[in-house]
């Protein structure tokens, strides 16, 4: 999985995961999950690349899958959270 900062979107982070061919290209993915364990230290605190913020009471995530025939499937998840303030 590749993770990079971008200058657009709600959080400014983009992650791209490639799924390898299955059964020589004849197989199909029926489900998958990703675990992101990348950490770094900021001002002496251990942080994760996906450190979430809740400035407005909602946590959002958006995902798009692009298939080998260039078709796309997108989804967005919005959950309530408690803003710090």
C-alpha atoms as a PDB file:
ATOM      1  CA  UNK A   1       0.000   0.000   0.000  1.00  0.00           C
ATOM      2  CA  UNK A   2       1.248   3.465  -0.875  1.00  0.00           C
ATOM      3  CA  UNK A   3       0.237   6.401   1.319  1.00  0.00           C
ATOM      4  CA  UNK A   4       0.925  10.012   0.391  1.00  0.00           C
ATOM      5  CA  UNK A   5      -0.078  13.523   1.379  1.00  0.00           C
ATOM      6  CA  UNK A   6      -2.160  15.369  -1.175  1.00  0.00           C
ATOM      7  CA  UNK A   7      -3.455  18.935  -1.306  1.00  0.00           C
ATOM      8  CA  UNK A   8      -7.138  18.161  -1.730  1.00  0.00           C
ATOM      9  CA  UNK A   9      -9.894  16.367   0.106  1.00  0.00           C
ATOM     10  CA  UNK A  10     -11.004  16.499   3.696  1.00  0.00           C
ATOM     11  CA  UNK A  11      -7.859  14.999   5.223  1.00  0.00           C
ATOM     12  CA  UNK A  12      -5.200  15.457   2.539  1.00  0.00           C
ATOM     13  CA  UNK A  13      -4.101  11.811   2.527  1.00  0.00           C
ATOM     14  CA  UNK A  14      -4.392   9.297  -0.288  1.00  0.00           C
ATOM     15  CA  UNK A  15      -3.677   5.589  -0.021  1.00  0.00           C
ATOM     16  CA  UNK A  16      -3.458   3.208  -2.946  1.00  0.00           C
ATOM     17  CA  UNK A  17      -3.485  -0.568  -2.614  1.00  0.00           C
ATOM     18  CA  UNK A  18      -2.993  -2.931  -5.536  1.00  0.00           C
ATOM     19  CA  UNK A  19      -4.546  -6.386  -5.441  1.00  0.00           C
ATOM     20  CA  UNK A  20      -2.453  -8.965  -7.317  1.00  0.00           C
ATOM     21  CA  UNK A  21      -3.957 -11.212  -9.986  1.00  0.00           C
ATOM     22  CA  UNK A  22      -5.654 -14.322  -8.624  1.00  0.00           C
ATOM     23  CA  UNK A  23      -5.543 -17.709 -10.391  1.00  0.00           C
ATOM     24  CA  UNK A  24      -3.597 -16.281 -13.324  1.00  0.00           C
ATOM     25  CA  UNK A  25      -6.187 -13.545 -13.835  1.00  0.00           C
ATOM     26  CA  UNK A  26      -9.164 -15.919 -13.918  1.00  0.00           C
ATOM     27  CA  UNK A  27     -10.089 -15.434 -10.228  1.00  0.00           C
ATOM     28  CA  UNK A  28     -12.249 -12.773  -8.570  1.00  0.00           C
ATOM     29  CA  UNK A  29     -11.861 -10.882  -5.314  1.00  0.00           C
ATOM     30  CA  UNK A  30     -14.960 -11.354  -3.195  1.00  0.00           C
ATOM     31  CA  UNK A  31     -13.720  -9.376  -0.187  1.00  0.00           C
ATOM     32  CA  UNK A  32     -10.551  -7.903   1.281  1.00  0.00           C
ATOM     33  CA  UNK A  33      -9.392  -5.847   4.224  1.00  0.00           C
ATOM     34  CA  UNK A  34      -6.435  -3.541   4.729  1.00  0.00           C
ATOM     35  CA  UNK A  35      -4.571  -2.821   7.921  1.00  0.00           C
ATOM     36  CA  UNK A  36      -2.485   0.323   8.107  1.00  0.00           C
ATOM     37  CA  UNK A  37       0.260   0.110  10.715  1.00  0.00           C
ATOM     38  CA  UNK A  38       2.515   3.003   9.634  1.00  0.00           C
ATOM     39  CA  UNK A  39       3.593   5.143  12.607  1.00  0.00           C
ATOM     40  CA  UNK A  40       5.797   8.186  13.123  1.00  0.00           C
ATOM     41  CA  UNK A  41       6.789  10.489  15.987  1.00  0.00           C
ATOM     42  CA  UNK A  42       5.593  14.107  16.122  1.00  0.00           C
ATOM     43  CA  UNK A  43       6.610  16.381  19.005  1.00  0.00           C
ATOM     44  CA  UNK A  44       7.537  13.315  21.040  1.00  0.00           C
ATOM     45  CA  UNK A  45       4.182  11.561  20.501  1.00  0.00           C
ATOM     46  CA  UNK A  46       3.724   8.371  18.530  1.00  0.00           C
ATOM     47  CA  UNK A  47       1.223   8.973  15.719  1.00  0.00           C
ATOM     48  CA  UNK A  48      -0.341   6.841  13.000  1.00  0.00           C
ATOM     49  CA  UNK A  49      -0.669   7.954   9.404  1.00  0.00           C
ATOM     50  CA  UNK A  50      -4.446   7.779   9.838  1.00  0.00           C
ATOM     51  CA  UNK A  51      -4.676   9.891  12.993  1.00  0.00           C
ATOM     52  CA  UNK A  52      -8.267  11.079  12.801  1.00  0.00           C
ATOM     53  CA  UNK A  53      -9.535  14.519  13.632  1.00  0.00           C
ATOM     54  CA  UNK A  54     -13.085  15.450  14.417  1.00  0.00           C
ATOM     55  CA  UNK A  55     -13.377  19.224  14.022  1.00  0.00           C
ATOM     56  CA  UNK A  56     -17.060  19.249  13.047  1.00  0.00           C
ATOM     57  CA  UNK A  57     -18.682  16.178  14.631  1.00  0.00           C
ATOM     58  CA  UNK A  58     -18.283  13.831  11.678  1.00  0.00           C
ATOM     59  CA  UNK A  59     -15.588  11.412  10.596  1.00  0.00           C
ATOM     60  CA  UNK A  60     -15.586  10.753   6.846  1.00  0.00           C
ATOM     61  CA  UNK A  61     -13.845   8.210   4.628  1.00  0.00           C
ATOM     62  CA  UNK A  62     -14.164   7.786   0.882  1.00  0.00           C
ATOM     63  CA  UNK A  63     -12.997   4.864  -1.222  1.00  0.00           C
ATOM     64  CA  UNK A  64     -12.882   4.082  -4.920  1.00  0.00           C
ATOM     65  CA  UNK A  65     -12.000   0.735  -6.465  1.00  0.00           C
ATOM     66  CA  UNK A  66     -10.737   0.747 -10.046  1.00  0.00           C
ATOM     67  CA  UNK A  67     -10.923  -2.582 -11.846  1.00  0.00           C
ATOM     68  CA  UNK A  68      -8.745  -3.888 -14.681  1.00  0.00           C
ATOM     69  CA  UNK A  69     -11.421  -2.983 -17.243  1.00  0.00           C
ATOM     70  CA  UNK A  70     -11.367   0.615 -15.878  1.00  0.00           C
ATOM     71  CA  UNK A  71     -14.833   0.391 -14.274  1.00  0.00           C
ATOM     72  CA  UNK A  72     -15.072   2.029 -10.857  1.00  0.00           C
ATOM     73  CA  UNK A  73     -17.020   1.510  -7.652  1.00  0.00           C
ATOM     74  CA  UNK A  74     -17.079   4.225  -4.973  1.00  0.00           C
ATOM     75  CA  UNK A  75     -18.432   4.503  -1.453  1.00  0.00           C
ATOM     76  CA  UNK A  76     -18.339   7.004   1.375  1.00  0.00           C
ATOM     77  CA  UNK A  77     -18.758   6.411   5.095  1.00  0.00           C
ATOM     78  CA  UNK A  78     -19.727   9.168   7.527  1.00  0.00           C
ATOM     79  CA  UNK A  79     -19.855   8.560  11.291  1.00  0.00           C
ATOM     80  CA  UNK A  80     -20.564  10.940  14.133  1.00  0.00           C
ATOM     81  CA  UNK A  81     -17.768  11.715  16.563  1.00  0.00           C
ATOM     82  CA  UNK A  82     -17.163  14.070  19.494  1.00  0.00           C
ATOM     83  CA  UNK A  83     -15.184  17.155  18.523  1.00  0.00           C
ATOM     84  CA  UNK A  84     -12.503  18.319  20.930  1.00  0.00           C
ATOM     85  CA  UNK A  85     -12.698  21.902  21.763  1.00  0.00           C
END
